Structures are given as structure tokens and as C-alpha cells.
N, C-alpha and C. Protein backbone atom coordinates (compact mmCIF):
# COMPACT_ATOMS: atom_id res chain seq x y z
N MET A 1 0.60 -1.23 -0.01
CA MET A 1 -0.18 -0.25 -0.03
C MET A 1 0.91 1.16 0.16
N THR A 2 0.70 1.94 -0.89
CA THR A 2 1.31 3.46 -1.13
C THR A 2 0.72 5.13 -0.51
N ALA A 3 1.32 5.45 -0.08
CA ALA A 3 1.13 6.60 0.36
C ALA A 3 0.07 7.47 -0.57
N GLN A 4 1.17 7.66 -1.43
CA GLN A 4 0.34 8.20 -2.86
C GLN A 4 -1.46 7.56 -2.49
N ARG A 5 -1.47 5.78 -2.51
CA ARG A 5 -3.20 5.55 -3.03
C ARG A 5 -3.94 6.19 -1.56
N LEU A 6 -2.92 6.29 -0.94
CA LEU A 6 -4.10 6.69 0.75
C LEU A 6 -4.22 8.05 0.59
N ALA A 7 -3.89 8.80 -0.49
CA ALA A 7 -3.89 10.21 -0.07
C ALA A 7 -4.99 10.87 -0.51
N GLY A 8 -6.09 10.21 -1.37
CA GLY A 8 -7.41 10.29 -1.22
C GLY A 8 -7.60 10.92 -2.79
N PRO A 9 -8.50 11.31 -3.17
CA PRO A 9 -9.39 12.04 -4.19
C PRO A 9 -8.99 13.56 -4.29
N ALA A 10 -7.63 13.88 -5.12
CA ALA A 10 -7.33 15.49 -5.16
C ALA A 10 -6.17 15.24 -6.15
N THR A 11 -6.43 16.52 -7.24
CA THR A 11 -5.08 17.27 -7.58
C THR A 11 -3.88 17.71 -6.92
N VAL A 12 -3.04 17.05 -6.97
CA VAL A 12 -1.84 17.26 -6.31
C VAL A 12 -1.15 18.64 -7.23
N ILE A 13 -0.55 19.80 -5.95
CA ILE A 13 -0.28 20.60 -7.01
C ILE A 13 1.32 20.40 -6.64
N ASN A 14 2.01 20.76 -7.57
CA ASN A 14 3.26 21.05 -7.53
C ASN A 14 3.99 21.21 -5.97
N SER A 15 4.40 19.71 -5.13
CA SER A 15 4.33 19.26 -3.76
C SER A 15 6.05 20.11 -3.65
N CYS A 16 6.38 20.74 -4.37
CA CYS A 16 8.10 20.37 -4.01
C CYS A 16 8.62 21.57 -5.15
N PRO A 17 8.43 22.86 -4.57
CA PRO A 17 8.87 23.69 -5.06
C PRO A 17 10.41 23.78 -6.06
N SER A 18 10.16 24.49 -7.27
CA SER A 18 11.90 24.35 -7.38
C SER A 18 12.64 24.98 -6.88
N ALA A 19 12.34 26.29 -6.61
CA ALA A 19 13.27 27.13 -5.29
C ALA A 19 13.20 26.92 -4.11
N ARG A 20 14.13 25.97 -3.53
CA ARG A 20 13.26 25.24 -2.27
C ARG A 20 14.39 26.36 -0.84
N GLU A 21 13.18 27.65 -0.52
CA GLU A 21 13.58 27.57 0.66
C GLU A 21 13.19 27.09 1.53
N PRO A 22 14.43 27.23 3.07
CA PRO A 22 14.15 26.33 3.95
C PRO A 22 12.67 27.15 4.55
N ASP A 23 12.19 25.66 4.99
CA ASP A 23 10.90 26.52 6.05
C ASP A 23 10.42 27.46 6.68
N HIS A 24 11.90 27.39 7.31
CA HIS A 24 12.27 28.48 8.38
C HIS A 24 11.77 30.14 7.65
N ASP A 25 12.72 29.82 6.56
CA ASP A 25 12.75 31.16 5.99
C ASP A 25 11.19 31.82 5.46
N LEU A 26 10.30 30.72 5.08
CA LEU A 26 9.09 31.04 4.18
C LEU A 26 8.12 31.21 5.64
N VAL A 27 8.21 30.88 6.65
CA VAL A 27 7.53 30.97 8.29
C VAL A 27 7.76 32.60 8.34
N GLN A 28 9.33 33.08 8.22
CA GLN A 28 9.26 33.95 8.69
C GLN A 28 9.22 35.40 7.66
N GLN A 29 8.73 34.82 6.59
CA GLN A 29 8.48 35.70 5.30
C GLN A 29 7.26 36.00 5.60
N CYS A 30 6.52 35.03 6.04
CA CYS A 30 5.14 35.12 6.22
C CYS A 30 5.07 36.18 7.18
N LEU A 31 5.61 35.67 8.07
CA LEU A 31 5.11 37.04 9.56
C LEU A 31 5.36 38.05 9.25
N GLN A 32 6.26 38.32 8.39
CA GLN A 32 6.56 39.84 7.09
C GLN A 32 5.35 40.23 6.49
N GLY A 33 4.44 39.78 6.40
CA GLY A 33 3.08 39.55 5.48
C GLY A 33 3.13 39.14 4.35
N ASP A 34 3.72 38.33 3.73
CA ASP A 34 4.35 37.76 2.25
C ASP A 34 3.28 36.51 2.07
N SER A 35 2.11 36.76 1.92
CA SER A 35 1.16 35.65 1.65
C SER A 35 1.84 34.43 0.42
N GLN A 36 2.63 34.83 -0.65
CA GLN A 36 3.51 34.22 -1.18
C GLN A 36 3.74 32.78 -0.33
N SER A 37 4.57 33.25 0.65
CA SER A 37 5.92 32.29 1.22
C SER A 37 4.71 31.12 2.04
N PHE A 38 3.48 31.74 2.51
CA PHE A 38 2.33 30.95 2.75
C PHE A 38 2.16 29.58 1.97
N ARG A 39 1.92 30.32 0.55
CA ARG A 39 0.86 29.34 -0.49
C ARG A 39 2.14 28.53 -0.79
N GLN A 40 3.83 28.91 -0.84
CA GLN A 40 4.55 27.49 -1.22
C GLN A 40 5.18 26.74 0.11
N LEU A 41 4.61 27.15 1.26
CA LEU A 41 4.38 26.16 2.72
C LEU A 41 3.40 25.07 2.21
N TYR A 42 2.56 25.63 1.72
CA TYR A 42 0.72 24.71 1.41
C TYR A 42 1.42 23.94 0.86
N GLN A 43 2.16 24.00 -0.61
CA GLN A 43 2.22 23.53 -2.06
C GLN A 43 3.53 22.57 -1.98
N ARG A 44 4.26 22.66 -0.66
CA ARG A 44 5.28 21.84 -0.44
C ARG A 44 4.86 20.51 0.68
N HIS A 45 3.82 20.95 1.33
CA HIS A 45 3.44 20.14 2.64
C HIS A 45 1.68 19.75 2.29
N GLN A 46 1.14 19.80 1.68
CA GLN A 46 -0.44 19.82 1.65
C GLN A 46 -0.47 18.02 1.09
N GLN A 47 0.11 17.64 0.23
CA GLN A 47 0.08 16.41 -0.04
C GLN A 47 0.31 15.79 1.01
N LYS A 48 1.60 15.61 1.23
CA LYS A 48 1.42 15.06 3.18
C LYS A 48 0.31 15.05 4.28
N VAL A 49 0.07 15.95 4.47
CA VAL A 49 -1.44 16.53 5.43
C VAL A 49 -2.33 15.33 4.43
N ARG A 50 -2.27 15.04 3.51
CA ARG A 50 -3.83 14.76 3.08
C ARG A 50 -3.57 13.43 3.14
N SER A 51 -2.27 13.01 2.92
CA SER A 51 -2.01 12.05 2.90
C SER A 51 -1.97 11.17 4.56
N ILE A 52 -2.11 11.89 5.44
CA ILE A 52 -2.09 11.57 6.78
C ILE A 52 -3.52 11.74 7.15
N LEU A 53 -4.41 12.77 6.67
CA LEU A 53 -5.56 12.82 6.91
C LEU A 53 -6.22 11.40 6.41
N TYR A 54 -6.19 11.06 5.44
CA TYR A 54 -7.03 10.30 4.71
C TYR A 54 -7.30 9.10 5.31
N PRO A 55 -6.40 8.20 5.59
CA PRO A 55 -6.79 6.78 6.18
C PRO A 55 -7.37 7.22 8.18
N LEU A 56 -7.06 8.61 8.41
CA LEU A 56 -7.96 8.90 9.48
C LEU A 56 -9.23 9.45 9.93
N CYS A 57 -9.54 10.00 8.76
CA CYS A 57 -10.85 10.04 8.04
C CYS A 57 -11.52 10.48 7.48
N GLY A 58 -11.14 9.62 6.05
CA GLY A 58 -11.72 9.10 4.91
C GLY A 58 -11.86 10.25 3.75
N ALA A 59 -12.39 10.26 2.89
CA ALA A 59 -12.24 11.42 1.68
C ALA A 59 -13.23 12.37 1.76
N GLU A 60 -14.46 11.99 2.35
CA GLU A 60 -15.92 12.59 2.36
C GLU A 60 -15.41 14.28 2.62
N HIS A 61 -14.97 14.64 4.02
CA HIS A 61 -14.36 15.43 4.11
C HIS A 61 -12.76 16.54 3.93
N LEU A 62 -12.06 15.18 3.44
CA LEU A 62 -10.74 15.84 3.13
C LEU A 62 -10.33 16.95 2.88
N ASP A 63 -11.13 17.33 1.92
CA ASP A 63 -10.59 18.68 1.01
C ASP A 63 -10.67 19.66 2.49
N ASP A 64 -11.77 20.35 3.14
CA ASP A 64 -12.22 21.10 4.07
C ASP A 64 -11.07 20.69 5.45
N LEU A 65 -10.66 19.75 5.31
CA LEU A 65 -9.74 19.05 6.67
C LEU A 65 -8.67 19.70 6.40
N VAL A 66 -8.44 19.20 5.14
CA VAL A 66 -6.75 19.73 4.77
C VAL A 66 -6.75 21.46 4.81
N GLN A 67 -7.97 22.19 4.27
CA GLN A 67 -8.19 23.61 4.29
C GLN A 67 -7.93 24.08 5.72
N GLU A 68 -8.68 23.14 6.75
CA GLU A 68 -8.80 23.72 8.47
C GLU A 68 -7.30 23.35 8.71
N VAL A 69 -6.53 22.64 8.47
CA VAL A 69 -5.50 22.17 8.82
C VAL A 69 -4.05 23.70 8.69
N PHE A 70 -4.33 23.59 7.15
CA PHE A 70 -3.88 25.09 7.10
C PHE A 70 -4.33 26.62 7.47
N LEU A 71 -5.35 26.74 7.60
CA LEU A 71 -6.49 27.75 8.34
C LEU A 71 -5.74 28.14 9.66
N ARG A 72 -5.52 26.65 10.56
CA ARG A 72 -5.22 26.70 11.68
C ARG A 72 -3.64 27.29 11.70
N ALA A 73 -2.79 26.50 10.70
CA ALA A 73 -1.50 26.85 10.94
C ALA A 73 -1.10 28.71 10.37
N TRP A 74 -1.60 29.05 9.50
CA TRP A 74 -2.05 30.52 9.28
C TRP A 74 -2.09 31.28 10.29
N LYS A 75 -3.00 31.00 11.33
CA LYS A 75 -3.41 31.79 12.00
C LYS A 75 -2.73 31.59 13.37
N GLY A 76 -2.05 30.38 13.48
CA GLY A 76 -1.07 29.84 14.45
C GLY A 76 0.58 30.49 14.30
N LEU A 77 0.70 30.79 13.30
CA LEU A 77 2.47 31.28 12.76
C LEU A 77 3.04 32.24 13.73
N PRO A 78 2.13 33.17 14.02
CA PRO A 78 2.70 33.78 15.22
C PRO A 78 3.28 33.44 16.43
N LYS A 79 2.68 32.46 16.89
CA LYS A 79 2.98 31.04 18.28
C LYS A 79 3.76 30.45 17.76
N PHE A 80 4.23 30.07 16.53
CA PHE A 80 4.98 29.08 16.17
C PHE A 80 6.49 29.44 16.58
N GLN A 81 7.08 28.35 17.26
CA GLN A 81 8.45 28.11 17.65
C GLN A 81 9.17 27.83 16.88
N ARG A 82 10.21 29.02 16.57
CA ARG A 82 11.48 28.45 15.56
C ARG A 82 12.18 27.74 15.70
N THR A 83 12.21 27.00 17.14
CA THR A 83 13.35 26.07 17.25
C THR A 83 12.40 24.54 16.64
N ALA A 84 11.47 24.43 16.27
CA ALA A 84 11.14 23.10 16.49
C ALA A 84 10.69 23.81 14.74
N GLN A 85 10.50 21.91 13.83
CA GLN A 85 10.44 22.31 12.57
C GLN A 85 8.88 22.61 12.34
N PHE A 86 9.02 23.14 11.62
CA PHE A 86 7.52 23.02 10.60
C PHE A 86 6.55 22.28 10.50
N SER A 87 7.31 21.46 9.69
CA SER A 87 6.47 20.20 9.57
C SER A 87 6.40 19.36 10.99
N THR A 88 6.94 19.13 11.64
CA THR A 88 6.53 18.67 12.96
C THR A 88 5.08 19.56 13.60
N TRP A 89 5.38 20.72 13.83
CA TRP A 89 4.50 21.36 14.34
C TRP A 89 3.56 21.28 13.36
N LEU A 90 2.89 20.93 11.96
CA LEU A 90 2.30 21.06 10.88
C LEU A 90 1.77 19.69 11.38
N TYR A 91 2.34 18.57 11.48
CA TYR A 91 1.81 17.71 11.70
C TYR A 91 0.73 17.31 13.22
N ARG A 92 1.33 17.90 14.17
CA ARG A 92 0.43 18.08 15.28
C ARG A 92 -0.89 18.65 15.21
N ILE A 93 -0.87 19.79 14.15
CA ILE A 93 -2.13 20.50 13.97
C ILE A 93 -3.11 19.49 12.97
N THR A 94 -2.37 18.79 12.25
CA THR A 94 -2.98 17.79 11.56
C THR A 94 -3.81 16.43 12.71
N TRP A 95 -2.96 16.39 13.38
CA TRP A 95 -3.79 15.57 14.17
C TRP A 95 -4.85 16.07 14.94
N ASN A 96 -4.61 17.18 15.76
CA ASN A 96 -5.34 17.98 16.07
C ASN A 96 -6.70 17.99 15.16
N VAL A 97 -6.42 18.59 14.05
CA VAL A 97 -7.92 18.32 13.10
C VAL A 97 -8.59 17.33 12.93
N ALA A 98 -7.76 16.16 12.94
CA ALA A 98 -8.35 14.69 12.96
C ALA A 98 -8.86 14.30 14.05
N CYS A 99 -8.55 14.82 15.23
CA CYS A 99 -9.65 14.11 16.14
C CYS A 99 -10.63 15.33 16.28
N ASP A 100 -10.84 16.50 16.32
CA ASP A 100 -11.31 17.22 16.46
C ASP A 100 -12.97 16.94 15.48
N GLN A 101 -12.30 16.14 14.15
CA GLN A 101 -13.44 15.67 12.97
C GLN A 101 -14.01 14.65 13.63
N ARG A 102 -13.69 14.10 14.38
CA ARG A 102 -13.71 12.71 14.97
C ARG A 102 -14.83 12.91 15.88
N ARG A 103 -14.69 14.06 16.89
CA ARG A 103 -15.31 14.39 17.78
C ARG A 103 -16.35 14.58 17.27
N GLY A 104 -16.31 15.68 16.17
CA GLY A 104 -17.24 16.39 15.37
C GLY A 104 -18.70 15.38 15.17
N PHE A 105 -18.28 14.16 14.54
CA PHE A 105 -19.10 12.98 14.19
C PHE A 105 -19.67 12.39 15.26
N ALA A 106 -20.88 11.98 15.36
CA ALA A 106 -21.16 10.60 16.64
C ALA A 106 -20.36 9.27 15.95
N ARG A 107 -21.18 9.23 14.85
CA ARG A 107 -20.94 8.00 13.78
C ARG A 107 -20.19 8.11 12.21
N LEU A 108 -18.90 8.40 12.06
CA LEU A 108 -18.46 8.43 10.97
C LEU A 108 -18.95 7.47 9.73
N ARG A 109 -19.33 7.61 8.90
CA ARG A 109 -19.24 6.83 7.69
C ARG A 109 -18.00 5.86 7.12
N SER A 110 -18.03 4.58 6.95
CA SER A 110 -16.87 4.29 6.66
C SER A 110 -16.21 4.83 5.27
N HIS A 111 -15.04 5.15 5.47
CA HIS A 111 -14.04 5.26 4.46
C HIS A 111 -13.69 4.14 3.39
N LEU A 112 -14.11 2.87 3.73
CA LEU A 112 -13.89 1.96 3.06
C LEU A 112 -14.64 1.98 2.02
N GLU A 113 -15.94 2.34 1.71
CA GLU A 113 -16.61 2.72 0.24
C GLU A 113 -15.20 3.77 -0.70
N ASN A 114 -14.97 4.51 0.21
CA ASN A 114 -14.12 5.43 -0.69
C ASN A 114 -12.85 4.84 -1.14
N LEU A 115 -12.28 3.86 -0.25
CA LEU A 115 -11.07 3.03 -0.79
C LEU A 115 -11.28 2.22 -1.76
N SER A 116 -12.62 1.68 -1.43
CA SER A 116 -12.87 1.08 -2.88
C SER A 116 -12.87 1.11 -3.78
N THR A 117 -13.76 2.34 -3.83
CA THR A 117 -13.69 3.54 -5.43
C THR A 117 -12.39 3.72 -5.55
N LEU A 118 -11.71 4.25 -5.23
CA LEU A 118 -10.16 4.47 -5.67
C LEU A 118 -9.45 3.21 -6.01
N VAL A 119 -9.45 2.56 -5.33
CA VAL A 119 -9.29 0.93 -5.81
C VAL A 119 -9.73 0.69 -6.86
N SER A 120 -10.87 0.61 -7.23
CA SER A 120 -11.10 0.23 -8.94
C SER A 120 -11.13 1.13 -9.77
N GLU A 121 -10.96 2.48 -9.44
CA GLU A 121 -10.98 3.74 -10.28
C GLU A 121 -9.21 3.54 -10.85
N HIS A 122 -8.01 3.14 -9.91
CA HIS A 122 -6.61 3.81 -10.60
C HIS A 122 -6.00 2.44 -10.50
N TYR A 123 -6.59 0.67 -10.21
CA TYR A 123 -6.30 -0.08 -10.23
C TYR A 123 -7.03 -1.12 -10.89
N GLN A 124 -7.67 -0.71 -11.75
CA GLN A 124 -8.44 -2.00 -13.02
C GLN A 124 -7.62 -2.97 -12.96
N ASP A 125 -6.55 -2.62 -13.35
CA ASP A 125 -6.09 -3.80 -14.16
C ASP A 125 -5.21 -4.80 -12.67
N LEU A 126 -4.75 -4.90 -11.97
CA LEU A 126 -4.75 -5.57 -10.52
C LEU A 126 -5.56 -6.96 -11.12
N ASP A 127 -5.08 -8.09 -10.23
CA ASP A 127 -5.80 -9.20 -10.45
C ASP A 127 -6.37 -8.93 -9.05
N LEU A 128 -7.82 -9.97 -9.27
CA LEU A 128 -8.35 -9.81 -7.93
C LEU A 128 -8.17 -10.11 -6.84
N MET A 129 -7.09 -11.36 -6.55
CA MET A 129 -6.22 -11.53 -5.28
C MET A 129 -5.47 -10.37 -4.94
N HIS A 130 -4.79 -9.95 -5.87
CA HIS A 130 -4.21 -8.09 -5.39
C HIS A 130 -5.34 -7.50 -4.42
N LEU A 131 -6.42 -7.18 -4.91
CA LEU A 131 -7.57 -6.13 -4.78
C LEU A 131 -8.03 -6.73 -3.45
N HIS A 132 -8.04 -7.79 -3.02
CA HIS A 132 -8.70 -8.73 -2.12
C HIS A 132 -7.73 -8.55 -1.17
N TYR A 133 -6.45 -8.72 -1.23
CA TYR A 133 -5.47 -8.65 0.01
C TYR A 133 -5.60 -7.29 0.23
N GLN A 134 -5.21 -6.06 -0.87
CA GLN A 134 -5.81 -4.91 -0.29
C GLN A 134 -6.72 -4.30 0.21
N ASP A 135 -7.70 -4.75 0.33
CA ASP A 135 -8.97 -4.34 0.98
C ASP A 135 -8.73 -5.02 2.41
N LEU A 136 -8.05 -6.19 2.21
CA LEU A 136 -8.20 -6.65 3.85
C LEU A 136 -6.97 -5.87 4.63
N VAL A 137 -5.88 -5.44 4.24
CA VAL A 137 -4.95 -4.68 4.79
C VAL A 137 -5.75 -3.37 4.96
N GLU A 138 -6.32 -2.69 4.10
CA GLU A 138 -7.26 -1.68 4.23
C GLU A 138 -7.94 -1.85 5.49
N ARG A 139 -9.10 -2.62 5.28
CA ARG A 139 -9.93 -2.81 6.61
C ARG A 139 -9.17 -3.39 7.93
N SER A 140 -8.02 -3.78 7.77
CA SER A 140 -7.23 -4.11 9.44
C SER A 140 -7.06 -2.77 10.00
N ILE A 141 -6.55 -1.82 8.78
CA ILE A 141 -5.99 -0.33 9.44
C ILE A 141 -7.30 0.32 9.97
N ALA A 142 -8.53 0.40 9.19
CA ALA A 142 -9.59 0.73 9.61
C ALA A 142 -10.06 0.32 11.07
N GLN A 143 -9.84 -0.59 11.57
CA GLN A 143 -9.94 -1.50 12.84
C GLN A 143 -9.49 -1.04 13.78
N LEU A 144 -8.27 -0.57 13.56
CA LEU A 144 -7.60 0.47 14.89
C LEU A 144 -7.68 1.42 15.61
N ARG A 145 -7.69 1.43 16.63
CA ARG A 145 -8.05 2.97 17.23
C ARG A 145 -7.43 3.86 16.56
N LEU A 146 -8.01 5.14 16.99
CA LEU A 146 -7.39 6.27 16.25
C LEU A 146 -5.89 6.42 16.49
N GLU A 147 -5.48 6.18 17.87
CA GLU A 147 -4.37 6.44 18.25
C GLU A 147 -3.18 5.44 18.10
N HIS A 148 -3.69 4.47 17.16
CA HIS A 148 -2.77 3.51 16.75
C HIS A 148 -2.72 3.34 15.66
N ARG A 149 -3.61 3.79 15.09
CA ARG A 149 -4.01 3.90 13.35
C ARG A 149 -3.06 5.03 13.13
N VAL A 150 -2.97 6.94 13.87
CA VAL A 150 -2.55 7.42 13.53
C VAL A 150 -0.67 7.15 13.73
N VAL A 151 -0.45 6.79 14.29
CA VAL A 151 0.99 5.89 14.44
C VAL A 151 1.43 5.31 13.03
N LEU A 152 0.55 4.24 12.97
CA LEU A 152 1.15 3.18 11.64
C LEU A 152 0.90 4.11 10.50
N VAL A 153 -0.07 4.94 10.40
CA VAL A 153 -0.07 5.82 8.79
C VAL A 153 1.09 6.07 8.68
N MET A 154 1.75 7.08 10.17
CA MET A 154 2.74 8.13 10.03
C MET A 154 4.24 7.40 9.51
N HIS A 155 4.12 6.37 10.60
CA HIS A 155 5.70 5.46 10.55
C HIS A 155 5.66 4.58 8.87
N ASP A 156 4.60 4.08 9.18
CA ASP A 156 5.01 2.90 7.84
C ASP A 156 4.56 3.68 6.44
N LEU A 157 3.28 4.10 6.42
CA LEU A 157 3.09 4.72 5.12
C LEU A 157 3.70 5.92 4.63
N GLU A 158 3.75 6.58 5.36
CA GLU A 158 4.77 8.41 5.38
C GLU A 158 5.89 8.11 5.86
N GLU A 159 6.32 6.94 6.37
CA GLU A 159 7.80 6.77 6.43
C GLU A 159 7.92 8.17 7.43
N LEU A 160 7.69 8.47 8.36
CA LEU A 160 8.27 9.59 9.13
C LEU A 160 9.14 8.79 10.80
N PRO A 161 9.60 9.56 10.54
CA PRO A 161 10.62 8.97 11.81
C PRO A 161 9.81 9.09 13.13
N GLN A 162 10.25 8.16 14.03
CA GLN A 162 9.63 7.75 15.26
C GLN A 162 9.83 9.00 16.43
N LYS A 163 10.52 9.55 16.72
CA LYS A 163 11.14 10.91 16.77
C LYS A 163 9.88 12.12 16.66
N GLU A 164 10.19 12.24 15.30
CA GLU A 164 8.99 13.22 14.38
C GLU A 164 7.77 12.97 14.99
N ILE A 165 7.41 11.97 14.91
CA ILE A 165 5.92 11.70 14.96
C ILE A 165 5.81 11.57 16.48
N ALA A 166 6.57 11.74 17.62
CA ALA A 166 6.56 11.61 18.80
C ALA A 166 6.02 12.91 19.48
N GLU A 167 6.86 13.90 18.57
CA GLU A 167 6.99 15.62 18.56
C GLU A 167 5.42 15.86 18.06
N ALA A 168 5.04 15.43 16.75
CA ALA A 168 3.86 15.49 16.62
C ALA A 168 2.72 15.65 17.19
N LEU A 169 2.73 14.34 17.77
CA LEU A 169 1.72 14.00 18.73
C LEU A 169 1.55 14.44 20.35
N ASN A 170 2.95 14.87 20.54
CA ASN A 170 3.24 15.61 21.83
C ASN A 170 3.36 14.05 22.58
N ILE A 171 3.82 13.17 22.60
CA ILE A 171 3.77 11.92 23.18
C ILE A 171 5.86 11.43 23.38
N PRO A 172 5.76 10.54 24.58
CA PRO A 172 7.04 10.04 24.68
C PRO A 172 7.43 9.20 23.68
N VAL A 173 8.75 9.24 23.09
CA VAL A 173 9.19 8.02 21.72
C VAL A 173 8.99 6.67 22.20
N GLY A 174 8.76 6.20 23.26
CA GLY A 174 8.52 4.98 23.92
C GLY A 174 6.89 5.29 23.28
N THR A 175 6.20 5.75 24.26
CA THR A 175 4.65 5.34 23.40
C THR A 175 4.31 5.24 21.70
N VAL A 176 5.12 6.11 21.11
CA VAL A 176 5.16 5.46 19.67
C VAL A 176 5.57 4.25 19.42
N LYS A 177 6.10 3.76 20.10
CA LYS A 177 6.91 2.46 19.97
C LYS A 177 6.23 1.26 20.12
N SER A 178 5.54 1.59 21.36
CA SER A 178 4.65 0.79 21.94
C SER A 178 3.39 0.92 20.88
N ARG A 179 2.72 2.00 20.28
CA ARG A 179 1.65 2.11 19.53
C ARG A 179 1.57 1.34 18.57
N LEU A 180 2.95 1.92 17.86
CA LEU A 180 3.48 0.69 16.51
C LEU A 180 3.16 -0.29 16.71
N PHE A 181 4.29 -1.06 17.87
CA PHE A 181 3.98 -2.14 17.78
C PHE A 181 3.08 -3.02 18.02
N TYR A 182 1.71 -2.35 19.29
CA TYR A 182 0.74 -3.13 18.95
C TYR A 182 -0.57 -2.97 17.86
N ALA A 183 0.16 -2.00 16.92
CA ALA A 183 -1.15 -1.87 15.80
C ALA A 183 -0.66 -2.76 14.79
N ARG A 184 0.64 -2.52 14.50
CA ARG A 184 1.10 -3.82 13.73
C ARG A 184 1.07 -5.35 13.86
N ALA A 185 0.94 -5.50 14.90
CA ALA A 185 0.43 -6.85 16.08
C ALA A 185 -1.23 -7.02 15.24
N GLN A 186 -2.23 -6.23 15.54
CA GLN A 186 -3.48 -6.39 15.21
C GLN A 186 -3.35 -6.34 13.71
N VAL A 187 -2.89 -5.92 12.93
CA VAL A 187 -2.92 -5.73 11.47
C VAL A 187 -2.71 -7.06 11.47
N ARG A 188 -1.76 -7.85 11.68
CA ARG A 188 -1.07 -9.08 11.53
C ARG A 188 -2.18 -10.24 11.69
N LYS A 189 -3.02 -9.66 12.84
CA LYS A 189 -3.64 -10.66 13.62
C LYS A 189 -4.91 -10.81 12.79
N PHE A 190 -5.68 -10.02 12.43
CA PHE A 190 -6.60 -9.45 11.64
C PHE A 190 -6.47 -10.31 10.13
N LEU A 191 -5.16 -9.93 9.64
CA LEU A 191 -4.77 -10.81 8.45
C LEU A 191 -4.99 -11.96 8.32
N GLN A 192 -4.49 -12.54 9.36
CA GLN A 192 -4.12 -14.19 10.11
C GLN A 192 -5.60 -14.56 10.14
N GLN A 193 -6.31 -14.03 10.64
CA GLN A 193 -7.68 -14.12 10.71
C GLN A 193 -8.66 -14.06 9.60
N GLU A 194 -7.99 -13.42 8.71
CA GLU A 194 -8.78 -13.83 7.25
C GLU A 194 -8.36 -14.52 6.26
N GLY A 195 -7.49 -15.23 6.46
CA GLY A 195 -6.96 -16.42 6.16
C GLY A 195 -5.66 -15.91 5.65
N VAL A 196 -4.74 -14.90 5.51
CA VAL A 196 -3.74 -14.75 4.84
C VAL A 196 -2.31 -14.87 5.29
N GLN A 197 -1.60 -15.94 4.85
CA GLN A 197 -0.21 -16.24 5.39
C GLN A 197 0.28 -15.53 5.44
N LEU A 198 1.43 -15.07 6.46
CA LEU A 198 2.13 -13.99 6.86
C LEU A 198 3.57 -15.08 6.88
């Protein structure tokens, strides 16, 4: 399962501007009133934010949630600690938006319908066995509690280091490790119960 597949239905804006200024410089320019700098930060980080939100919240409100993340980031820039990485700070906002969204809906519609649609649209050439396995993996991730799912998504799908995940979620690295261990064990158990040989 690739992070790109889990990013949800959206057009990707150039996520890596050619003139790559450090995030800290762009933040400083934003604080001086340069809105173009924030546009560059958005273009640089929006796909990663989308990739984190999609497995956690589904596709139905994905665009709105991404906008909410960047709106909160824009409003919060004056409070941003320059000693932290902008991306880590942004991932913390992303996590908070995901939690707020989940609290806002008593019952979420299953995002598996969206995943199935996405799979059928983009992977029609794949054989049925692969699709079945893909569906099982997605279902195994969906059944995890949010705090385990977010760690698994950020580490195994988005390939973020454990230290950065810990900073983004404001938890110790040891907690990241234990949640990751538990999440992987639950996914493995789910797949074995579904007859997948590991």
C-alpha cells in the first residue's frame, strides 16, 4: 500500500517548489506579510497532510480538513516556536484536526467505500487476489483505534521517523514504539484471521 494511494482523491499541486527555501525562511517571510511564502509552504506540505488525514478521516471531508489544517497553521504562525521544525508543528495541527473531526461526528461513515472506489478507479488492471489482499489491509488499518492508526500511518505509510511522530503527537518516543508494535500486531492478527499467510 503506497502513501500516494491513501492520499485520497485530489489534484496534487506541485509539492516541491523549484526554488526550495527552508521552511523557517518562508515562515519568517509570512510573518512579515508575504502571503506567497505561505502558498509555497502549502504547496510543499499539502500532499503529506492529505496523506495523513485520508486514512484517519476518509475522503468525504478531506479537502475541508486539509484547508482547516492550513487555516489553523496560518492563524497560529505568530505562536510557532522557531526552534521546532515547521513540518512537525504542522503534523501536530493535522492530528488535532483529525481528532476534532472525529469528535464532531458521532458516527463516521466508513471510508472503506471511498477506498474501494479509489482502488477500482486506479487499479482496474490488478488481479482480484491483489485487490482482495489490498482490501484486507485497508480493513485491518480501519479497525485500529485512532491513536494506533495514526502512528502506523505516519510511520509505515508516510515513513516519518519515530522522533518526529512523537513531537507531532506530543507523546514520548517510547509510546510511539509501543503503539506501533501494537498496531502492527493487530493488523497481523486481523490478516491471519482472514486467512492470509504471513
